[in-house]
Every structure is written in C-alpha cells, then in structure tokens.
Amino acid sequence: AIQPNLVQTLENNPAFVHGGPFANIAHGCNSVVATTTALKLADYVVT
C-alpha cells in the first residue's frame, strides 16, 4: 500500500494516485512518497 499507484489521464499523461485523507477531518493531501517521487521524475508536479 505504501508504493504509489501509477495511472493515466484521458490524454495519456502520467498520474500518481495515492493515499486519501479527507481534508475536513484529516490532512487532505496525497502521499509524500508519491509527491516526492514525482518531483524527481518531472519538470512540474501538479497536486
């Protein structure tokens, strides 16, 4: 479960979909592992 999930957008661009805390009762962001890994692989990471 700690390993990020790779999927794609409708335009076949990479997307990491990982973790899911609610923002009204938890901290509401995707995983640090997914974000930091994406930052090492791309010019831009949109989260």
PDB file of all heavy atoms in Angstrom:
ATOM      1  N   ALA A   1       0.813  -1.221   0.000  1.00  0.00           N
ATOM      2  CA  ALA A   1       0.000   0.000   0.000  1.00  0.00           C
ATOM      3  C   ALA A   1       0.843   1.267   0.000  1.00  0.00           C
ATOM      4  O   ALA A   1       0.420   2.295  -0.528  1.00  0.00           O
ATOM      5  CB  ALA A   1      -0.949   0.000   1.205  1.00  0.00           C
ATOM      6  N   ILE A   2       2.060   1.207   0.565  1.00  0.00           N
ATOM      7  CA  ILE A   2       2.889   2.432   0.611  1.00  0.00           C
ATOM      8  C   ILE A   2       3.501   2.772  -0.748  1.00  0.00           C
ATOM      9  O   ILE A   2       3.983   3.873  -0.966  1.00  0.00           O
ATOM     10  CB  ILE A   2       3.988   2.330   1.700  1.00  0.00           C
ATOM     11  CG1 ILE A   2       4.576   3.729   1.968  1.00  0.00           C
ATOM     12  CG2 ILE A   2       5.052   1.323   1.335  1.00  0.00           C
ATOM     13  CD1 ILE A   2       5.592   3.810   3.060  1.00  0.00           C
ATOM     14  N   GLN A   3       3.451   1.833  -1.695  1.00  0.00           N
ATOM     15  CA  GLN A   3       4.009   2.113  -3.024  1.00  0.00           C
ATOM     16  C   GLN A   3       2.988   2.879  -3.863  1.00  0.00           C
ATOM     17  O   GLN A   3       1.835   2.459  -3.974  1.00  0.00           O
ATOM     18  CB  GLN A   3       4.398   0.795  -3.709  1.00  0.00           C
ATOM     19  CG  GLN A   3       5.491   0.064  -2.935  1.00  0.00           C
ATOM     20  CD  GLN A   3       5.794  -1.301  -3.498  1.00  0.00           C
ATOM     21  OE1 GLN A   3       4.921  -2.000  -4.009  1.00  0.00           O
ATOM     22  NE2 GLN A   3       7.037  -1.715  -3.396  1.00  0.00           N
ATOM     23  N   PRO A   4       3.385   4.008  -4.465  1.00  0.00           N
ATOM     24  CA  PRO A   4       2.419   4.839  -5.196  1.00  0.00           C
ATOM     25  C   PRO A   4       1.816   4.110  -6.402  1.00  0.00           C
ATOM     26  O   PRO A   4       2.468   3.255  -7.014  1.00  0.00           O
ATOM     27  CB  PRO A   4       3.255   6.029  -5.680  1.00  0.00           C
ATOM     28  CG  PRO A   4       4.508   5.993  -4.900  1.00  0.00           C
ATOM     29  CD  PRO A   4       4.739   4.582  -4.485  1.00  0.00           C
ATOM     30  N   ASN A   5       0.574   4.468  -6.727  1.00  0.00           N
ATOM     31  CA  ASN A   5      -0.120   3.892  -7.886  1.00  0.00           C
ATOM     32  C   ASN A   5       0.045   4.806  -9.090  1.00  0.00           C
ATOM     33  O   ASN A   5      -0.211   6.006  -9.002  1.00  0.00           O
ATOM     34  CB  ASN A   5      -1.615   3.759  -7.587  1.00  0.00           C
ATOM     35  CG  ASN A   5      -1.861   2.989  -6.306  1.00  0.00           C
ATOM     36  OD1 ASN A   5      -1.526   1.828  -6.200  1.00  0.00           O
ATOM     37  ND2 ASN A   5      -2.429   3.661  -5.304  1.00  0.00           N
ATOM     38  N   LEU A   6       0.475   4.237 -10.206  1.00  0.00           N
ATOM     39  CA  LEU A   6       0.604   4.994 -11.453  1.00  0.00           C
ATOM     40  C   LEU A   6      -0.582   4.670 -12.355  1.00  0.00           C
ATOM     41  O   LEU A   6      -0.880   3.495 -12.609  1.00  0.00           O
ATOM     42  CB  LEU A   6       1.915   4.622 -12.164  1.00  0.00           C
ATOM     43  CG  LEU A   6       2.157   5.303 -13.521  1.00  0.00           C
ATOM     44  CD1 LEU A   6       2.406   6.802 -13.356  1.00  0.00           C
ATOM     45  CD2 LEU A   6       3.342   4.654 -14.248  1.00  0.00           C
ATOM     46  N   VAL A   7      -1.259   5.723 -12.813  1.00  0.00           N
ATOM     47  CA  VAL A   7      -2.330   5.564 -13.812  1.00  0.00           C
ATOM     48  C   VAL A   7      -2.138   6.653 -14.864  1.00  0.00           C
ATOM     49  O   VAL A   7      -1.054   7.221 -14.971  1.00  0.00           O
ATOM     50  CB  VAL A   7      -3.741   5.637 -13.160  1.00  0.00           C
ATOM     51  CG1 VAL A   7      -4.068   4.357 -12.403  1.00  0.00           C
ATOM     52  CG2 VAL A   7      -3.867   6.834 -12.238  1.00  0.00           C
ATOM     53  N   GLN A   8      -3.165   6.960 -15.656  1.00  0.00           N
ATOM     54  CA  GLN A   8      -3.005   7.951 -16.723  1.00  0.00           C
ATOM     55  C   GLN A   8      -4.225   8.846 -16.832  1.00  0.00           C
ATOM     56  O   GLN A   8      -5.324   8.482 -16.409  1.00  0.00           O
ATOM     57  CB  GLN A   8      -2.756   7.262 -18.065  1.00  0.00           C
ATOM     58  CG  GLN A   8      -3.895   6.366 -18.537  1.00  0.00           C
ATOM     59  CD  GLN A   8      -3.478   5.467 -19.690  1.00  0.00           C
ATOM     60  OE1 GLN A   8      -3.206   5.936 -20.789  1.00  0.00           O
ATOM     61  NE2 GLN A   8      -3.424   4.161 -19.435  1.00  0.00           N
ATOM     62  N   THR A   9      -4.009  10.019 -17.431  1.00  0.00           N
ATOM     63  CA  THR A   9      -5.132  10.915 -17.722  1.00  0.00           C
ATOM     64  C   THR A   9      -5.758  10.486 -19.054  1.00  0.00           C
ATOM     65  O   THR A   9      -5.215   9.616 -19.762  1.00  0.00           O
ATOM     66  CB  THR A   9      -4.664  12.378 -17.846  1.00  0.00           C
ATOM     67  OG1 THR A   9      -3.846  12.498 -19.023  1.00  0.00           O
ATOM     68  CG2 THR A   9      -3.849  12.817 -16.627  1.00  0.00           C
ATOM     69  N   LEU A  10      -6.870  11.096 -19.403  1.00  0.00           N
ATOM     70  CA  LEU A  10      -7.512  10.796 -20.694  1.00  0.00           C
ATOM     71  C   LEU A  10      -6.569  11.074 -21.861  1.00  0.00           C
ATOM     72  O   LEU A  10      -6.710  10.490 -22.934  1.00  0.00           O
ATOM     73  CB  LEU A  10      -8.785  11.633 -20.876  1.00  0.00           C
ATOM     74  CG  LEU A  10      -9.985  11.268 -19.991  1.00  0.00           C
ATOM     75  CD1 LEU A  10     -11.114  12.264 -20.215  1.00  0.00           C
ATOM     76  CD2 LEU A  10     -10.469   9.856 -20.274  1.00  0.00           C
ATOM     77  N   GLU A  11      -5.598  11.989 -21.647  1.00  0.00           N
ATOM     78  CA  GLU A  11      -4.643  12.345 -22.708  1.00  0.00           C
ATOM     79  C   GLU A  11      -3.337  11.555 -22.559  1.00  0.00           C
ATOM     80  O   GLU A  11      -2.302  11.943 -23.103  1.00  0.00           O
ATOM     81  CB  GLU A  11      -4.405  13.858 -22.710  1.00  0.00           C
ATOM     82  CG  GLU A  11      -5.704  14.628 -22.967  1.00  0.00           C
ATOM     83  CD  GLU A  11      -5.503  16.120 -23.232  1.00  0.00           C
ATOM     84  OE1 GLU A  11      -4.347  16.551 -23.442  1.00  0.00           O
ATOM     85  OE2 GLU A  11      -6.510  16.842 -23.229  1.00  0.00           O
ATOM     86  N   ASN A  12      -3.404  10.455 -21.802  1.00  0.00           N
ATOM     87  CA  ASN A  12      -2.276   9.524 -21.645  1.00  0.00           C
ATOM     88  C   ASN A  12      -1.045  10.135 -20.987  1.00  0.00           C
ATOM     89  O   ASN A  12       0.084   9.772 -21.277  1.00  0.00           O
ATOM     90  CB  ASN A  12      -1.875   8.918 -23.006  1.00  0.00           C
ATOM     91  CG  ASN A  12      -3.064   8.376 -23.776  1.00  0.00           C
ATOM     92  OD1 ASN A  12      -3.354   8.825 -24.876  1.00  0.00           O
ATOM     93  ND2 ASN A  12      -3.783   7.443 -23.188  1.00  0.00           N
ATOM     94  N   ASN A  13      -1.283  11.072 -20.086  1.00  0.00           N
ATOM     95  CA  ASN A  13      -0.186  11.613 -19.290  1.00  0.00           C
ATOM     96  C   ASN A  13      -0.162  10.930 -17.924  1.00  0.00           C
ATOM     97  O   ASN A  13      -1.198  10.507 -17.423  1.00  0.00           O
ATOM     98  CB  ASN A  13      -0.350  13.134 -19.124  1.00  0.00           C
ATOM     99  CG  ASN A  13      -0.130  13.857 -20.441  1.00  0.00           C
ATOM    100  OD1 ASN A  13       0.856  13.598 -21.137  1.00  0.00           O
ATOM    101  ND2 ASN A  13      -1.041  14.747 -20.811  1.00  0.00           N
ATOM    102  N   PRO A  14       1.037  10.817 -17.309  1.00  0.00           N
ATOM    103  CA  PRO A  14       1.150  10.061 -16.057  1.00  0.00           C
ATOM    104  C   PRO A  14       0.477  10.756 -14.873  1.00  0.00           C
ATOM    105  O   PRO A  14       0.523  11.981 -14.750  1.00  0.00           O
ATOM    106  CB  PRO A  14       2.661   9.956 -15.834  1.00  0.00           C
ATOM    107  CG  PRO A  14       3.290  10.982 -16.698  1.00  0.00           C
ATOM    108  CD  PRO A  14       2.343  11.295 -17.802  1.00  0.00           C
ATOM    109  N   ALA A  15      -0.132   9.945 -14.019  1.00  0.00           N
ATOM    110  CA  ALA A  15      -0.733  10.460 -12.783  1.00  0.00           C
ATOM    111  C   ALA A  15      -0.448   9.474 -11.659  1.00  0.00           C
ATOM    112  O   ALA A  15      -0.635   8.264 -11.821  1.00  0.00           O
ATOM    113  CB  ALA A  15      -2.237  10.636 -12.962  1.00  0.00           C
ATOM    114  N   PHE A  16       0.019  10.011 -10.516  1.00  0.00           N
ATOM    115  CA  PHE A  16       0.157   9.206  -9.304  1.00  0.00           C
ATOM    116  C   PHE A  16      -1.098   9.429  -8.464  1.00  0.00           C
ATOM    117  O   PHE A  16      -1.450  10.564  -8.162  1.00  0.00           O
ATOM    118  CB  PHE A  16       1.380   9.632  -8.482  1.00  0.00           C
ATOM    119  CG  PHE A  16       2.689   9.131  -9.020  1.00  0.00           C
ATOM    120  CD1 PHE A  16       3.781   9.984  -9.158  1.00  0.00           C
ATOM    121  CD2 PHE A  16       2.856   7.794  -9.353  1.00  0.00           C
ATOM    122  CE1 PHE A  16       5.002   9.519  -9.635  1.00  0.00           C
ATOM    123  CE2 PHE A  16       4.077   7.320  -9.832  1.00  0.00           C
ATOM    124  CZ  PHE A  16       5.149   8.186  -9.981  1.00  0.00           C
ATOM    125  N   VAL A  17      -1.754   8.342  -8.113  1.00  0.00           N
ATOM    126  CA  VAL A  17      -2.954   8.437  -7.277  1.00  0.00           C
ATOM    127  C   VAL A  17      -2.683   7.606  -6.036  1.00  0.00           C
ATOM    128  O   VAL A  17      -2.609   6.383  -6.109  1.00  0.00           O
ATOM    129  CB  VAL A  17      -4.193   7.914  -8.044  1.00  0.00           C
ATOM    130  CG1 VAL A  17      -5.432   7.999  -7.172  1.00  0.00           C
ATOM    131  CG2 VAL A  17      -4.391   8.705  -9.332  1.00  0.00           C
ATOM    132  N   HIS A  18      -2.507   8.300  -4.901  1.00  0.00           N
ATOM    133  CA  HIS A  18      -2.010   7.550  -3.734  1.00  0.00           C
ATOM    134  C   HIS A  18      -2.394   8.215  -2.422  1.00  0.00           C
ATOM    135  O   HIS A  18      -2.098   9.380  -2.190  1.00  0.00           O
ATOM    136  CB  HIS A  18      -0.481   7.439  -3.812  1.00  0.00           C
ATOM    137  CG  HIS A  18       0.074   6.405  -2.884  1.00  0.00           C
ATOM    138  ND1 HIS A  18       1.253   6.581  -2.189  1.00  0.00           N
ATOM    139  CD2 HIS A  18      -0.387   5.179  -2.513  1.00  0.00           C
ATOM    140  CE1 HIS A  18       1.488   5.501  -1.457  1.00  0.00           C
ATOM    141  NE2 HIS A  18       0.497   4.634  -1.628  1.00  0.00           N
ATOM    142  N   GLY A  19      -3.033   7.433  -1.545  1.00  0.00           N
ATOM    143  CA  GLY A  19      -3.449   7.943  -0.244  1.00  0.00           C
ATOM    144  C   GLY A  19      -4.716   8.765  -0.386  1.00  0.00           C
ATOM    145  O   GLY A  19      -5.055   9.214  -1.472  1.00  0.00           O
ATOM    146  N   GLY A  20      -5.421   8.962   0.727  1.00  0.00           N
ATOM    147  CA  GLY A  20      -6.658   9.711   0.585  1.00  0.00           C
ATOM    148  C   GLY A  20      -7.251  10.272   1.853  1.00  0.00           C
ATOM    149  O   GLY A  20      -8.435  10.134   2.087  1.00  0.00           O
ATOM    150  N   PRO A  21      -6.452  10.930   2.716  1.00  0.00           N
ATOM    151  CA  PRO A  21      -7.065  11.506   3.916  1.00  0.00           C
ATOM    152  C   PRO A  21      -8.019  12.645   3.556  1.00  0.00           C
ATOM    153  O   PRO A  21      -7.690  13.477   2.721  1.00  0.00           O
ATOM    154  CB  PRO A  21      -5.865  12.035   4.715  1.00  0.00           C
ATOM    155  CG  PRO A  21      -4.774  12.222   3.717  1.00  0.00           C
ATOM    156  CD  PRO A  21      -5.010  11.223   2.630  1.00  0.00           C
ATOM    157  N   PHE A  22      -9.209  12.678   4.168  1.00  0.00           N
ATOM    158  CA  PHE A  22     -10.139  13.796   3.965  1.00  0.00           C
ATOM    159  C   PHE A  22      -9.517  15.071   4.517  1.00  0.00           C
ATOM    160  O   PHE A  22      -8.793  15.036   5.499  1.00  0.00           O
ATOM    161  CB  PHE A  22     -11.458  13.546   4.711  1.00  0.00           C
ATOM    162  CG  PHE A  22     -12.407  12.618   4.011  1.00  0.00           C
ATOM    163  CD1 PHE A  22     -13.591  12.240   4.632  1.00  0.00           C
ATOM    164  CD2 PHE A  22     -12.139  12.119   2.744  1.00  0.00           C
ATOM    165  CE1 PHE A  22     -14.487  11.379   4.004  1.00  0.00           C
ATOM    166  CE2 PHE A  22     -13.029  11.262   2.117  1.00  0.00           C
ATOM    167  CZ  PHE A  22     -14.213  10.891   2.742  1.00  0.00           C
ATOM    168  N   ALA A  23      -9.870  16.220   3.921  1.00  0.00           N
ATOM    169  CA  ALA A  23      -9.305  17.484   4.397  1.00  0.00           C
ATOM    170  C   ALA A  23     -10.142  18.123   5.489  1.00  0.00           C
ATOM    171  O   ALA A  23      -9.671  19.019   6.178  1.00  0.00           O
ATOM    172  CB  ALA A  23      -9.156  18.460   3.236  1.00  0.00           C
ATOM    173  N   ASN A  24     -11.408  17.683   5.649  1.00  0.00           N
ATOM    174  CA  ASN A  24     -12.195  18.297   6.735  1.00  0.00           C
ATOM    175  C   ASN A  24     -11.956  17.599   8.075  1.00  0.00           C
ATOM    176  O   ASN A  24     -12.222  18.168   9.121  1.00  0.00           O
ATOM    177  CB  ASN A  24     -13.691  18.328   6.398  1.00  0.00           C
ATOM    178  CG  ASN A  24     -14.273  16.954   6.125  1.00  0.00           C
ATOM    179  OD1 ASN A  24     -13.538  15.979   5.966  1.00  0.00           O
ATOM    180  ND2 ASN A  24     -15.580  16.859   6.071  1.00  0.00           N
ATOM    181  N   ILE A  25     -11.409  16.361   8.047  1.00  0.00           N
ATOM    182  CA  ILE A  25     -11.133  15.674   9.318  1.00  0.00           C
ATOM    183  C   ILE A  25      -9.699  15.157   9.416  1.00  0.00           C
ATOM    184  O   ILE A  25      -9.266  14.730  10.468  1.00  0.00           O
ATOM    185  CB  ILE A  25     -12.124  14.502   9.564  1.00  0.00           C
ATOM    186  CG1 ILE A  25     -12.267  13.596   8.338  1.00  0.00           C
ATOM    187  CG2 ILE A  25     -13.466  15.028  10.001  1.00  0.00           C
ATOM    188  CD1 ILE A  25     -13.250  12.457   8.511  1.00  0.00           C
ATOM    189  N   ALA A  26      -8.951  15.188   8.320  1.00  0.00           N
ATOM    190  CA  ALA A  26      -7.551  14.752   8.357  1.00  0.00           C
ATOM    191  C   ALA A  26      -6.736  15.787   7.569  1.00  0.00           C
ATOM    192  O   ALA A  26      -7.173  16.916   7.411  1.00  0.00           O
ATOM    193  CB  ALA A  26      -7.430  13.347   7.764  1.00  0.00           C
ATOM    194  N   HIS A  27      -5.554  15.411   7.059  1.00  0.00           N
ATOM    195  CA  HIS A  27      -4.706  16.461   6.466  1.00  0.00           C
ATOM    196  C   HIS A  27      -4.860  16.633   4.958  1.00  0.00           C
ATOM    197  O   HIS A  27      -4.246  17.517   4.369  1.00  0.00           O
ATOM    198  CB  HIS A  27      -3.240  16.300   6.891  1.00  0.00           C
ATOM    199  CG  HIS A  27      -2.510  15.176   6.223  1.00  0.00           C
ATOM    200  ND1 HIS A  27      -2.773  13.861   6.519  1.00  0.00           N
ATOM    201  CD2 HIS A  27      -1.536  15.158   5.270  1.00  0.00           C
ATOM    202  CE1 HIS A  27      -1.984  13.091   5.773  1.00  0.00           C
ATOM    203  NE2 HIS A  27      -1.230  13.852   5.015  1.00  0.00           N
ATOM    204  N   GLY A  28      -5.689  15.820   4.322  1.00  0.00           N
ATOM    205  CA  GLY A  28      -6.200  16.155   2.993  1.00  0.00           C
ATOM    206  C   GLY A  28      -5.222  16.254   1.835  1.00  0.00           C
ATOM    207  O   GLY A  28      -5.473  16.995   0.886  1.00  0.00           O
ATOM    208  N   CYS A  29      -4.114  15.518   1.877  1.00  0.00           N
ATOM    209  CA  CYS A  29      -3.141  15.580   0.775  1.00  0.00           C
ATOM    210  C   CYS A  29      -2.776  14.163   0.343  1.00  0.00           C
ATOM    211  O   CYS A  29      -2.841  13.232   1.142  1.00  0.00           O
ATOM    212  CB  CYS A  29      -1.847  16.266   1.222  1.00  0.00           C
ATOM    213  SG  CYS A  29      -2.082  17.861   1.992  1.00  0.00           S
ATOM    214  N   ASN A  30      -2.315  14.027  -0.909  1.00  0.00           N
ATOM    215  CA  ASN A  30      -1.845  12.702  -1.329  1.00  0.00           C
ATOM    216  C   ASN A  30      -0.503  12.404  -0.646  1.00  0.00           C
ATOM    217  O   ASN A  30       0.034  13.244   0.073  1.00  0.00           O
ATOM    218  CB  ASN A  30      -1.763  12.615  -2.864  1.00  0.00           C
ATOM    219  CG  ASN A  30      -0.515  13.253  -3.395  1.00  0.00           C
ATOM    220  OD1 ASN A  30      -0.184  14.383  -3.056  1.00  0.00           O
ATOM    221  ND2 ASN A  30       0.200  12.532  -4.211  1.00  0.00           N
ATOM    222  N   SER A  31       0.043  11.217  -0.880  1.00  0.00           N
ATOM    223  CA  SER A  31       1.194  10.781  -0.078  1.00  0.00           C
ATOM    224  C   SER A  31       2.480  11.544  -0.391  1.00  0.00           C
ATOM    225  O   SER A  31       2.711  11.970  -1.524  1.00  0.00           O
ATOM    226  CB  SER A  31       1.440   9.282  -0.284  1.00  0.00           C
ATOM    227  OG  SER A  31       2.066   9.064  -1.533  1.00  0.00           O
ATOM    228  N   VAL A  32       3.299  11.672   0.645  1.00  0.00           N
ATOM    229  CA  VAL A  32       4.629  12.286   0.485  1.00  0.00           C
ATOM    230  C   VAL A  32       5.470  11.451  -0.489  1.00  0.00           C
ATOM    231  O   VAL A  32       6.197  11.994  -1.317  1.00  0.00           O
ATOM    232  CB  VAL A  32       5.321  12.402   1.866  1.00  0.00           C
ATOM    233  CG1 VAL A  32       6.816  12.685   1.717  1.00  0.00           C
ATOM    234  CG2 VAL A  32       4.650  13.501   2.692  1.00  0.00           C
ATOM    235  N   VAL A  33       5.353  10.128  -0.411  1.00  0.00           N
ATOM    236  CA  VAL A  33       6.133   9.256  -1.305  1.00  0.00           C
ATOM    237  C   VAL A  33       5.778   9.553  -2.771  1.00  0.00           C
ATOM    238  O   VAL A  33       6.665   9.694  -3.620  1.00  0.00           O
ATOM    239  CB  VAL A  33       5.895   7.756  -0.996  1.00  0.00           C
ATOM    240  CG1 VAL A  33       6.597   6.871  -2.010  1.00  0.00           C
ATOM    241  CG2 VAL A  33       6.373   7.402   0.395  1.00  0.00           C
ATOM    242  N   ALA A  34       4.486   9.665  -3.068  1.00  0.00           N
ATOM    243  CA  ALA A  34       4.072   9.936  -4.455  1.00  0.00           C
ATOM    244  C   ALA A  34       4.561  11.304  -4.912  1.00  0.00           C
ATOM    245  O   ALA A  34       5.117  11.446  -6.005  1.00  0.00           O
ATOM    246  CB  ALA A  34       2.550   9.854  -4.575  1.00  0.00           C
ATOM    247  N   THR A  35       4.365  12.329  -4.080  1.00  0.00           N
ATOM    248  CA  THR A  35       4.745  13.696  -4.469  1.00  0.00           C
ATOM    249  C   THR A  35       6.248  13.829  -4.650  1.00  0.00           C
ATOM    250  O   THR A  35       6.721  14.385  -5.645  1.00  0.00           O
ATOM    251  CB  THR A  35       4.254  14.718  -3.416  1.00  0.00           C
ATOM    252  OG1 THR A  35       2.855  14.544  -3.216  1.00  0.00           O
ATOM    253  CG2 THR A  35       4.504  16.148  -3.872  1.00  0.00           C
ATOM    254  N   THR A  36       7.020  13.314  -3.686  1.00  0.00           N
ATOM    255  CA  THR A  36       8.479  13.477  -3.773  1.00  0.00           C
ATOM    256  C   THR A  36       9.051  12.652  -4.929  1.00  0.00           C
ATOM    257  O   THR A  36       9.998  13.085  -5.595  1.00  0.00           O
ATOM    258  CB  THR A  36       9.178  13.091  -2.451  1.00  0.00           C
ATOM    259  OG1 THR A  36       8.726  11.802  -2.037  1.00  0.00           O
ATOM    260  CG2 THR A  36       8.876  14.091  -1.353  1.00  0.00           C
ATOM    261  N   THR A  37       8.468  11.491  -5.205  1.00  0.00           N
ATOM    262  CA  THR A  37       8.927  10.684  -6.344  1.00  0.00           C
ATOM    263  C   THR A  37       8.615  11.397  -7.661  1.00  0.00           C
ATOM    264  O   THR A  37       9.455  11.490  -8.556  1.00  0.00           O
ATOM    265  CB  THR A  37       8.280   9.280  -6.328  1.00  0.00           C
ATOM    266  OG1 THR A  37       8.590   8.643  -5.086  1.00  0.00           O
ATOM    267  CG2 THR A  37       8.792   8.415  -7.478  1.00  0.00           C
ATOM    268  N   ALA A  38       7.393  11.926  -7.772  1.00  0.00           N
ATOM    269  CA  ALA A  38       7.005  12.651  -8.990  1.00  0.00           C
ATOM    270  C   ALA A  38       7.933  13.842  -9.246  1.00  0.00           C
ATOM    271  O   ALA A  38       8.327  14.108 -10.383  1.00  0.00           O
ATOM    272  CB  ALA A  38       5.557  13.127  -8.872  1.00  0.00           C
ATOM    273  N   LEU A  39       8.326  14.538  -8.163  1.00  0.00           N
ATOM    274  CA  LEU A  39       9.222  15.698  -8.310  1.00  0.00           C
ATOM    275  C   LEU A  39      10.591  15.292  -8.868  1.00  0.00           C
ATOM    276  O   LEU A  39      11.271  16.100  -9.499  1.00  0.00           O
ATOM    277  CB  LEU A  39       9.407  16.411  -6.958  1.00  0.00           C
ATOM    278  CG  LEU A  39       8.223  17.280  -6.491  1.00  0.00           C
ATOM    279  CD1 LEU A  39       8.380  17.650  -5.020  1.00  0.00           C
ATOM    280  CD2 LEU A  39       8.098  18.539  -7.352  1.00  0.00           C
ATOM    281  N   LYS A  40      10.991  14.052  -8.637  1.00  0.00           N
ATOM    282  CA  LYS A  40      12.277  13.562  -9.156  1.00  0.00           C
ATOM    283  C   LYS A  40      12.178  13.131 -10.623  1.00  0.00           C
ATOM    284  O   LYS A  40      13.193  12.896 -11.276  1.00  0.00           O
ATOM    285  CB  LYS A  40      12.765  12.358  -8.328  1.00  0.00           C
ATOM    286  CG  LYS A  40      12.995  12.656  -6.850  1.00  0.00           C
ATOM    287  CD  LYS A  40      14.121  13.644  -6.633  1.00  0.00           C
ATOM    288  CE  LYS A  40      14.401  13.903  -5.164  1.00  0.00           C
ATOM    289  NZ  LYS A  40      15.342  15.030  -4.971  1.00  0.00           N
ATOM    290  N   LEU A  41      10.940  13.014 -11.130  1.00  0.00           N
ATOM    291  CA  LEU A  41      10.745  12.466 -12.483  1.00  0.00           C
ATOM    292  C   LEU A  41      10.208  13.476 -13.483  1.00  0.00           C
ATOM    293  O   LEU A  41      10.125  13.185 -14.670  1.00  0.00           O
ATOM    294  CB  LEU A  41       9.765  11.279 -12.416  1.00  0.00           C
ATOM    295  CG  LEU A  41      10.135  10.121 -11.473  1.00  0.00           C
ATOM    296  CD1 LEU A  41       9.009   9.107 -11.416  1.00  0.00           C
ATOM    297  CD2 LEU A  41      11.426   9.452 -11.921  1.00  0.00           C
ATOM    298  N   ALA A  42       9.796  14.661 -13.014  1.00  0.00           N
ATOM    299  CA  ALA A  42       9.120  15.608 -13.910  1.00  0.00           C
ATOM    300  C   ALA A  42       9.606  17.045 -13.693  1.00  0.00           C
ATOM    301  O   ALA A  42      10.188  17.360 -12.652  1.00  0.00           O
ATOM    302  CB  ALA A  42       7.614  15.533 -13.677  1.00  0.00           C
ATOM    303  N   ASP A  43       9.330  17.907 -14.692  1.00  0.00           N
ATOM    304  CA  ASP A  43       9.618  19.348 -14.543  1.00  0.00           C
ATOM    305  C   ASP A  43       8.593  19.988 -13.616  1.00  0.00           C
ATOM    306  O   ASP A  43       8.891  20.907 -12.869  1.00  0.00           O
ATOM    307  CB  ASP A  43       9.520  20.076 -15.900  1.00  0.00           C
ATOM    308  CG  ASP A  43      10.417  19.476 -16.961  1.00  0.00           C
ATOM    309  OD1 ASP A  43      11.491  18.981 -16.581  1.00  0.00           O
ATOM    310  OD2 ASP A  43      10.043  19.488 -18.151  1.00  0.00           O
ATOM    311  N   TYR A  44       7.343  19.497 -13.747  1.00  0.00           N
ATOM    312  CA  TYR A  44       6.242  20.074 -12.966  1.00  0.00           C
ATOM    313  C   TYR A  44       5.416  18.962 -12.341  1.00  0.00           C
ATOM    314  O   TYR A  44       5.108  17.968 -12.999  1.00  0.00           O
ATOM    315  CB  TYR A  44       5.323  20.924 -13.862  1.00  0.00           C
ATOM    316  CG  TYR A  44       5.938  22.255 -14.196  1.00  0.00           C
ATOM    317  CD1 TYR A  44       6.813  22.390 -15.270  1.00  0.00           C
ATOM    318  CD2 TYR A  44       5.684  23.367 -13.407  1.00  0.00           C
ATOM    319  CE1 TYR A  44       7.417  23.599 -15.551  1.00  0.00           C
ATOM    320  CE2 TYR A  44       6.285  24.586 -13.679  1.00  0.00           C
ATOM    321  CZ  TYR A  44       7.145  24.704 -14.741  1.00  0.00           C
ATOM    322  OH  TYR A  44       7.748  25.900 -14.994  1.00  0.00           O
ATOM    323  N   VAL A  45       5.056  19.151 -11.070  1.00  0.00           N
ATOM    324  CA  VAL A  45       4.143  18.228 -10.401  1.00  0.00           C
ATOM    325  C   VAL A  45       2.933  19.054  -9.951  1.00  0.00           C
ATOM    326  O   VAL A  45       3.082  20.041  -9.230  1.00  0.00           O
ATOM    327  CB  VAL A  45       4.802  17.543  -9.185  1.00  0.00           C
ATOM    328  CG1 VAL A  45       3.786  16.737  -8.398  1.00  0.00           C
ATOM    329  CG2 VAL A  45       5.948  16.658  -9.660  1.00  0.00           C
ATOM    330  N   VAL A  46       1.757  18.645 -10.417  1.00  0.00           N
ATOM    331  CA  VAL A  46       0.525  19.354 -10.048  1.00  0.00           C
ATOM    332  C   VAL A  46      -0.210  18.485  -9.039  1.00  0.00           C
ATOM    333  O   VAL A  46      -0.578  17.348  -9.333  1.00  0.00           O
ATOM    334  CB  VAL A  46      -0.378  19.595 -11.288  1.00  0.00           C
ATOM    335  CG1 VAL A  46      -1.582  20.443 -10.893  1.00  0.00           C
ATOM    336  CG2 VAL A  46       0.408  20.258 -12.414  1.00  0.00           C
ATOM    337  N   THR A  47      -0.385  19.020  -7.833  1.00  0.00           N
ATOM    338  CA  THR A  47      -1.070  18.246  -6.794  1.00  0.00           C
ATOM    339  C   THR A  47      -2.210  19.064  -6.226  1.00  0.00           C
ATOM    340  O   THR A  47      -2.251  20.281  -6.364  1.00  0.00           O
ATOM    341  CB  THR A  47      -0.080  17.821  -5.683  1.00  0.00           C
ATOM    342  OG1 THR A  47      -0.715  16.860  -4.831  1.00  0.00           O
ATOM    343  CG2 THR A  47       0.377  19.005  -4.837  1.00  0.00           C
TER     344      THR A  47
END
